[in-house]
Amino acid sequence: MLFEGGVIVTKNKGTLTDYSKYSSGIFPLLVFTVIYSFALFMYFYMILNNVAICVIVAAVIYPYALFSFRKYMIVTTKKKLENQFGEALRFISSSLAAGSTIENSFYEFASKSNVYSKYDLSLITKEFLIISNSMDLHMSASEAFSGFADRSGSNDIKIFSLALSQMCSSGGDVIGLVRNTASSLRIKRETEDEISLILAAPKYNHKIITVMPVLIIFLMNFISPDYMATVYEGTGRIVAILSAVMIIVAYIIGNSLSDVRM
């Protein structure tokens, strides 16, 4: 087994995505780098009016920006996977209630997910196809699912995997497990949506506050360029640099305060 940038590659199973690591490829990173470099350069050029200093500032902030971007992509993909997993459990619950076994329910979802729901289920469908292929190699449903759970990066999916393994080995209520897990994931998603709605206004205000200094400087340069000339000379430049540093620190702190882990 080899690890290549968040993707697990095995000799006999093809390419399996590790959702706890960034695995969206190099193209999104290139697009992000181009947009980031241009936007940040223009932002601080309005404040500092010095190309060399702006390049240095952009280079210093880039590692943090890249880390934030990769983290955002991982969290977004994992949330999408969990939402699709909840949809899959609802289908599997209905199949089990109709008398199907857990193995047949997995097979059925993998083959019929495209007609089961109007929502995008591409991530979870791919994983259930892998699970189905593993069961074809005489692995049990719980063993095949545990491989996906280990790569999912989701505590909810890992807990479900452990519970499924116990239920299958002891002959427990698998139908109740699937139904209750689907219900819990639905409630969790609704709670997350409510929290995101509550945090939307503070995040929006934070972005406005970050942009306001540049807008004010732009207006001042437009209205009275001679008055603003002193900002880019001598002591004024030092004050401008300190202001830029304070903006960066305030932006990082604001992002940290609004980053609610659920």
Protein backbone atom coordinates (compact mmCIF):
# COMPACT_ATOMS: atom_id res chain seq x y z
CA MET A 1 0.00 0.00 0.00
CA LEU A 2 1.31 3.42 -1.01
CA PHE A 3 0.23 6.97 -0.08
CA GLU A 4 0.22 9.60 -2.80
CA GLY A 5 -1.05 13.05 -1.74
CA GLY A 6 -4.05 11.86 0.24
CA VAL A 7 -4.87 9.00 -2.12
CA ILE A 8 -4.28 5.39 -1.11
CA VAL A 9 -3.07 3.22 -3.97
CA THR A 10 -3.19 -0.55 -3.66
CA LYS A 11 -2.07 -3.15 -6.16
CA ASN A 12 -5.32 -5.06 -6.23
CA LYS A 13 -7.99 -2.51 -5.34
CA GLY A 14 -7.16 0.44 -7.57
CA THR A 15 -7.22 3.96 -6.22
CA LEU A 16 -9.01 4.63 -2.93
CA THR A 17 -9.56 8.16 -1.66
CA ASP A 18 -8.42 9.04 1.85
CA TYR A 19 -10.93 11.73 2.84
CA SER A 20 -8.89 12.83 5.86
CA LYS A 21 -6.27 14.24 3.46
CA TYR A 22 -6.45 16.68 0.57
CA SER A 23 -7.11 14.71 -2.59
CA SER A 24 -8.68 17.14 -5.07
CA GLY A 25 -5.66 17.20 -7.36
CA ILE A 26 -3.16 19.84 -8.45
CA PHE A 27 -5.47 21.91 -10.66
CA PRO A 28 -7.54 23.45 -7.81
CA LEU A 29 -4.27 24.35 -6.07
CA LEU A 30 -2.98 26.09 -9.18
CA VAL A 31 -6.23 28.02 -9.61
CA PHE A 32 -6.17 28.99 -5.94
CA THR A 33 -2.54 30.13 -6.15
CA VAL A 34 -3.19 32.35 -9.18
CA ILE A 35 -6.33 33.94 -7.71
CA TYR A 36 -4.76 34.29 -4.26
CA SER A 37 -1.57 35.90 -5.60
CA PHE A 38 -3.47 38.45 -7.70
CA ALA A 39 -6.07 39.31 -5.03
CA LEU A 40 -3.60 39.60 -2.16
CA PHE A 41 -1.11 41.59 -4.23
CA MET A 42 -3.79 44.10 -5.27
CA TYR A 43 -5.13 44.28 -1.71
CA PHE A 44 -1.83 45.17 -0.08
CA TYR A 45 -0.64 47.28 -3.00
CA MET A 46 -3.51 49.65 -2.27
CA ILE A 47 -2.22 49.93 1.32
CA LEU A 48 1.55 49.85 0.81
CA ASN A 49 1.99 51.06 -2.79
CA ASN A 50 5.22 49.06 -3.06
CA VAL A 51 5.60 46.03 -5.33
CA ALA A 52 8.52 44.44 -3.48
CA ILE A 53 6.86 44.66 -0.06
CA CYS A 54 3.58 43.32 -1.46
CA VAL A 55 5.37 40.31 -2.98
CA ILE A 56 7.08 39.61 0.36
CA VAL A 57 3.78 39.89 2.27
CA ALA A 58 2.03 37.55 -0.19
CA ALA A 59 4.87 35.01 0.08
CA VAL A 60 4.79 35.12 3.89
CA ILE A 61 1.01 34.63 4.08
CA TYR A 62 0.86 31.97 1.34
CA PRO A 63 1.56 28.94 3.61
CA TYR A 64 -1.32 29.93 5.92
CA ALA A 65 -3.60 30.59 2.94
CA LEU A 66 -2.68 27.23 1.37
CA PHE A 67 -3.27 25.43 4.68
CA SER A 68 -6.68 27.14 5.03
CA PHE A 69 -7.63 26.22 1.46
CA ARG A 70 -6.67 22.56 1.89
CA LYS A 71 -8.52 22.42 5.21
CA TYR A 72 -11.60 23.97 3.60
CA MET A 73 -11.53 21.42 0.78
CA ILE A 74 -11.14 18.50 3.22
CA VAL A 75 -13.99 19.72 5.46
CA THR A 76 -16.26 20.41 2.47
CA THR A 77 -15.62 17.00 0.92
CA LYS A 78 -16.09 15.21 4.25
CA LYS A 79 -19.37 17.04 4.91
CA LYS A 80 -20.57 16.15 1.42
CA LEU A 81 -19.61 12.52 2.05
CA GLU A 82 -21.48 12.43 5.37
CA ASN A 83 -24.61 13.93 3.80
CA GLN A 84 -24.51 11.37 1.00
CA PHE A 85 -23.91 8.61 3.55
CA GLY A 86 -27.09 9.65 5.36
CA GLU A 87 -29.01 9.33 2.07
CA ALA A 88 -27.48 5.90 1.53
CA LEU A 89 -28.54 4.73 4.99
CA ARG A 90 -32.13 5.76 4.30
CA PHE A 91 -32.14 3.61 1.19
CA ILE A 92 -30.47 0.70 3.00
CA SER A 93 -32.94 1.01 5.90
CA SER A 94 -35.87 0.69 3.49
CA SER A 95 -34.22 -2.29 1.81
CA LEU A 96 -33.61 -4.04 5.14
CA ALA A 97 -37.18 -3.37 6.25
CA ALA A 98 -38.35 -5.08 3.05
CA GLY A 99 -36.51 -8.25 4.08
CA SER A 100 -33.17 -7.85 2.32
CA THR A 101 -29.86 -8.75 3.95
CA ILE A 102 -27.25 -6.14 4.71
CA GLU A 103 -25.04 -7.53 1.90
CA ASN A 104 -27.83 -7.37 -0.67
CA SER A 105 -28.76 -3.88 0.53
CA PHE A 106 -25.20 -2.72 -0.13
CA TYR A 107 -25.26 -4.31 -3.59
CA GLU A 108 -28.65 -2.80 -4.36
CA PHE A 109 -27.63 0.72 -3.35
CA ALA A 110 -24.43 0.52 -5.38
CA SER A 111 -26.41 -0.44 -8.49
CA LYS A 112 -29.50 1.76 -8.03
CA SER A 113 -28.26 4.90 -6.28
CA ASN A 114 -28.42 6.91 -9.51
CA VAL A 115 -32.18 6.38 -9.72
CA TYR A 116 -32.87 6.38 -5.97
CA SER A 117 -32.28 10.07 -5.32
CA LYS A 118 -32.33 13.33 -7.25
CA TYR A 119 -29.31 14.50 -5.23
CA ASP A 120 -25.69 13.94 -6.15
CA LEU A 121 -24.54 10.68 -4.56
CA SER A 122 -21.37 10.20 -6.60
CA LEU A 123 -18.95 9.98 -3.65
CA ILE A 124 -20.88 7.42 -1.63
CA THR A 125 -21.86 5.44 -4.73
CA LYS A 126 -18.20 5.03 -5.62
CA GLU A 127 -17.45 3.80 -2.10
CA PHE A 128 -20.32 1.30 -2.11
CA LEU A 129 -19.11 -0.02 -5.46
CA ILE A 130 -15.73 -0.62 -3.81
CA ILE A 131 -17.50 -2.29 -0.87
CA SER A 132 -19.45 -4.49 -3.30
CA ASN A 133 -16.23 -5.49 -5.06
CA SER A 134 -14.69 -6.36 -1.70
CA MET A 135 -17.68 -8.54 -0.83
CA ASP A 136 -17.25 -10.29 -4.17
CA LEU A 137 -13.79 -11.26 -2.87
CA HIS A 138 -15.54 -13.06 0.03
CA MET A 139 -15.21 -10.28 2.60
CA SER A 140 -18.10 -9.77 4.99
CA ALA A 141 -20.20 -6.61 4.73
CA SER A 142 -18.81 -5.22 7.99
CA GLU A 143 -15.20 -5.92 6.97
CA ALA A 144 -15.70 -4.33 3.56
CA PHE A 145 -17.39 -1.31 5.10
CA SER A 146 -14.63 -0.86 7.72
CA GLY A 147 -12.12 -0.15 4.94
CA PHE A 148 -14.24 2.76 3.76
CA ALA A 149 -14.81 3.95 7.36
CA ASP A 150 -11.06 4.07 8.01
CA ARG A 151 -10.57 6.30 4.97
CA SER A 152 -13.64 8.49 5.51
CA GLY A 153 -12.16 10.73 8.20
CA SER A 154 -15.66 10.90 9.71
CA ASN A 155 -16.25 9.90 13.32
CA ASP A 156 -19.92 9.19 12.57
CA ILE A 157 -19.05 6.71 9.82
CA LYS A 158 -16.35 5.08 11.95
CA ILE A 159 -18.75 4.65 14.88
CA PHE A 160 -21.36 3.16 12.56
CA SER A 161 -18.74 0.77 11.20
CA LEU A 162 -17.84 -0.45 14.71
CA ALA A 163 -21.50 -0.85 15.63
CA LEU A 164 -22.23 -2.70 12.37
CA SER A 165 -19.36 -5.09 13.02
CA GLN A 166 -20.71 -5.86 16.51
CA MET A 167 -24.28 -6.27 15.28
CA CYS A 168 -23.30 -8.59 12.43
CA SER A 169 -21.13 -10.77 14.67
CA SER A 170 -23.68 -11.00 17.51
CA GLY A 171 -26.88 -11.08 15.45
CA GLY A 172 -28.12 -7.72 16.74
CA ASP A 173 -30.76 -5.37 15.36
CA VAL A 174 -29.06 -4.17 12.17
CA ILE A 175 -32.28 -2.56 10.91
CA GLY A 176 -32.59 -0.47 14.07
CA LEU A 177 -28.91 0.49 13.87
CA VAL A 178 -29.22 1.72 10.29
CA ARG A 179 -32.50 3.55 10.95
CA ASN A 180 -31.24 5.27 14.12
CA THR A 181 -27.94 6.26 12.49
CA ALA A 182 -29.76 7.77 9.51
CA SER A 183 -31.99 9.73 11.88
CA SER A 184 -29.01 10.94 13.94
CA LEU A 185 -27.17 12.11 10.82
CA ARG A 186 -30.26 13.99 9.65
CA ILE A 187 -30.57 15.77 13.02
CA LYS A 188 -26.86 16.57 13.00
CA ARG A 189 -27.10 18.06 9.50
CA GLU A 190 -30.06 20.22 10.52
CA THR A 191 -28.17 21.43 13.59
CA GLU A 192 -25.10 22.26 11.51
CA ASP A 193 -27.26 24.21 9.07
CA GLU A 194 -28.75 26.23 11.95
CA ILE A 195 -25.30 26.99 13.37
CA SER A 196 -24.03 28.02 9.93
CA LEU A 197 -27.01 30.34 9.57
CA ILE A 198 -26.29 31.93 12.96
CA LEU A 199 -22.61 32.43 12.06
CA ALA A 200 -23.35 33.78 8.57
CA ALA A 201 -23.86 37.39 9.72
CA PRO A 202 -20.66 37.62 11.86
CA LYS A 203 -18.62 36.06 9.03
CA TYR A 204 -20.09 38.53 6.57
CA ASN A 205 -19.30 41.43 8.91
CA HIS A 206 -15.75 40.12 9.31
CA LYS A 207 -15.25 40.17 5.53
CA ILE A 208 -16.64 43.71 5.28
CA ILE A 209 -14.32 44.94 8.03
CA THR A 210 -11.36 43.34 6.23
CA VAL A 211 -12.20 45.04 2.93
CA MET A 212 -13.05 48.48 4.35
CA PRO A 213 -9.43 49.76 4.82
CA VAL A 214 -8.68 49.19 1.14
CA LEU A 215 -11.90 50.91 0.05
CA ILE A 216 -11.15 53.92 2.26
CA ILE A 217 -7.58 54.21 0.94
CA PHE A 218 -8.84 53.88 -2.63
CA LEU A 219 -11.35 56.68 -2.12
CA MET A 220 -8.74 58.87 -0.44
CA ASN A 221 -6.30 58.30 -3.30
CA PHE A 222 -9.02 59.22 -5.75
CA ILE A 223 -10.23 62.30 -3.88
CA SER A 224 -6.91 63.67 -2.62
CA PRO A 225 -3.80 61.88 -3.93
CA ASP A 226 -1.47 64.59 -2.57
CA TYR A 227 -2.82 64.06 0.94
CA MET A 228 -2.20 60.29 0.73
CA ALA A 229 1.32 60.70 -0.66
CA THR A 230 2.73 61.04 2.88
CA VAL A 231 1.42 57.55 3.72
CA TYR A 232 3.91 56.01 1.28
CA GLU A 233 6.97 57.92 2.47
CA GLY A 234 9.14 57.77 5.59
CA THR A 235 7.17 57.29 8.80
CA GLY A 236 3.95 56.93 6.85
CA ARG A 237 5.25 53.77 5.17
CA ILE A 238 6.14 52.26 8.55
CA VAL A 239 2.62 53.00 9.79
CA ALA A 240 1.19 51.45 6.60
CA ILE A 241 3.26 48.28 7.10
CA LEU A 242 2.16 48.02 10.74
CA SER A 243 -1.44 48.50 9.62
CA ALA A 244 -1.06 45.70 7.08
CA VAL A 245 0.33 43.39 9.77
CA MET A 246 -2.59 44.23 12.07
CA ILE A 247 -5.07 43.49 9.27
CA ILE A 248 -3.46 40.09 8.68
CA VAL A 249 -3.52 39.23 12.40
CA ALA A 250 -7.13 40.41 12.76
CA TYR A 251 -8.18 38.32 9.74
CA ILE A 252 -6.54 35.17 11.14
CA ILE A 253 -8.07 35.71 14.59
CA GLY A 254 -11.49 36.35 13.04
CA ASN A 255 -11.31 33.14 11.05
CA SER A 256 -10.29 31.20 14.16
CA LEU A 257 -13.18 32.59 16.22
CA SER A 258 -15.74 31.73 13.54
CA ASP A 259 -14.37 28.23 12.99
CA VAL A 260 -16.86 26.18 14.99
CA ARG A 261 -16.01 22.46 15.06
CA MET A 262 -19.00 20.12 15.06
